[in-house]
Amino acid sequence: MAVAGLIMMGMATLFSFITLPVEYDASNRALAWLKNRNMVTQSEYKGSEDALKWAARTYLVAAIGSLATLVYWGLQVFGGRD
């Protein structure tokens, strides 16, 4: 049962790493849209750029956290130190 759980966690972790480029691209596309449509002023654009870059980085942190959790439970299941 524990191995099945690890396999599912592994799939979720893999999914989070696979979607990272998609999230970064979404931020870049949003910035391009803001710039091309003249939706914001230059100073607002700088703030938007900063906010969208940090928003994309939250997905990176989530993926790293998912990997750390997977490693932790893998060690628990497959006999880390007792």
Protein backbone atom coordinates (compact mmCIF):
# COMPACT_ATOMS: atom_id res chain seq x y z
CA MET A 1 0.00 0.00 0.00
CA ALA A 2 2.83 2.38 0.88
CA VAL A 3 4.61 1.69 -2.41
CA ALA A 4 1.43 2.49 -4.32
CA GLY A 5 1.22 5.76 -2.42
CA LEU A 6 4.82 6.55 -3.30
CA ILE A 7 4.15 5.84 -6.95
CA MET A 8 1.20 8.24 -6.91
CA MET A 9 3.26 10.87 -5.11
CA GLY A 10 5.99 10.35 -7.67
CA MET A 11 3.52 10.96 -10.48
CA ALA A 12 2.31 14.16 -8.81
CA THR A 13 5.90 15.32 -8.34
CA LEU A 14 6.70 14.58 -11.97
CA PHE A 15 3.62 16.52 -13.04
CA SER A 16 4.69 19.54 -11.00
CA PHE A 17 8.11 19.57 -12.68
CA ILE A 18 6.64 19.06 -16.15
CA THR A 19 4.30 22.03 -15.74
CA LEU A 20 7.06 24.43 -14.63
CA PRO A 21 7.90 25.63 -18.16
CA VAL A 22 4.20 26.15 -18.84
CA GLU A 23 3.87 28.42 -15.81
CA TYR A 24 6.94 30.44 -16.72
CA ASP A 25 5.67 30.79 -20.28
CA ALA A 26 2.28 31.97 -19.02
CA SER A 27 3.96 34.76 -17.07
CA ASN A 28 5.99 35.77 -20.12
CA ARG A 29 2.90 35.75 -22.34
CA ALA A 30 0.99 37.87 -19.82
CA LEU A 31 3.81 40.41 -19.76
CA ALA A 32 3.91 40.52 -23.55
CA TRP A 33 0.14 41.02 -23.66
CA LEU A 34 0.32 43.87 -21.15
CA LYS A 35 3.06 45.54 -23.15
CA ASN A 36 1.48 45.05 -26.59
CA ARG A 37 -1.96 46.28 -25.51
CA ASN A 38 -0.58 49.26 -23.56
CA MET A 39 -2.68 48.19 -20.60
CA VAL A 40 -0.35 49.65 -17.97
CA THR A 41 2.08 52.51 -17.61
CA GLN A 42 5.82 51.91 -17.61
CA SER A 43 6.04 52.00 -13.81
CA GLU A 44 3.04 49.67 -13.51
CA TYR A 45 4.66 47.34 -16.01
CA LYS A 46 7.76 47.04 -13.82
CA GLY A 47 5.55 46.09 -10.88
CA SER A 48 3.59 43.64 -13.02
CA GLU A 49 6.81 42.09 -14.26
CA ASP A 50 8.05 41.60 -10.71
CA ALA A 51 4.74 40.18 -9.50
CA LEU A 52 4.38 37.74 -12.40
CA LYS A 53 7.97 36.49 -12.13
CA TRP A 54 7.54 35.81 -8.40
CA ALA A 55 4.18 34.16 -9.04
CA ALA A 56 5.86 31.77 -11.47
CA ARG A 57 8.54 31.02 -8.89
CA THR A 58 5.91 29.81 -6.43
CA TYR A 59 5.44 26.84 -8.74
CA LEU A 60 9.17 26.14 -8.56
CA VAL A 61 9.04 26.16 -4.76
CA ALA A 62 6.01 23.85 -4.83
CA ALA A 63 7.83 21.41 -7.12
CA ILE A 64 10.90 21.38 -4.88
CA GLY A 65 8.68 20.85 -1.83
CA SER A 66 6.94 17.98 -3.57
CA LEU A 67 10.29 16.38 -4.37
CA ALA A 68 11.47 16.78 -0.78
CA THR A 69 8.28 15.17 0.52
CA LEU A 70 8.64 12.29 -1.92
CA VAL A 71 12.23 11.68 -0.83
CA TYR A 72 11.23 11.82 2.84
CA TRP A 73 8.44 9.26 2.45
CA GLY A 74 10.62 7.12 0.20
CA LEU A 75 13.18 6.92 2.99
CA GLN A 76 10.45 6.10 5.50
CA VAL A 77 9.02 3.30 3.38
CA PHE A 78 12.23 1.77 2.12
CA GLY A 79 14.06 1.75 5.40
CA GLY A 80 15.82 4.88 6.29
CA ARG A 81 17.65 4.72 9.56
CA ASP A 82 15.80 3.07 12.42
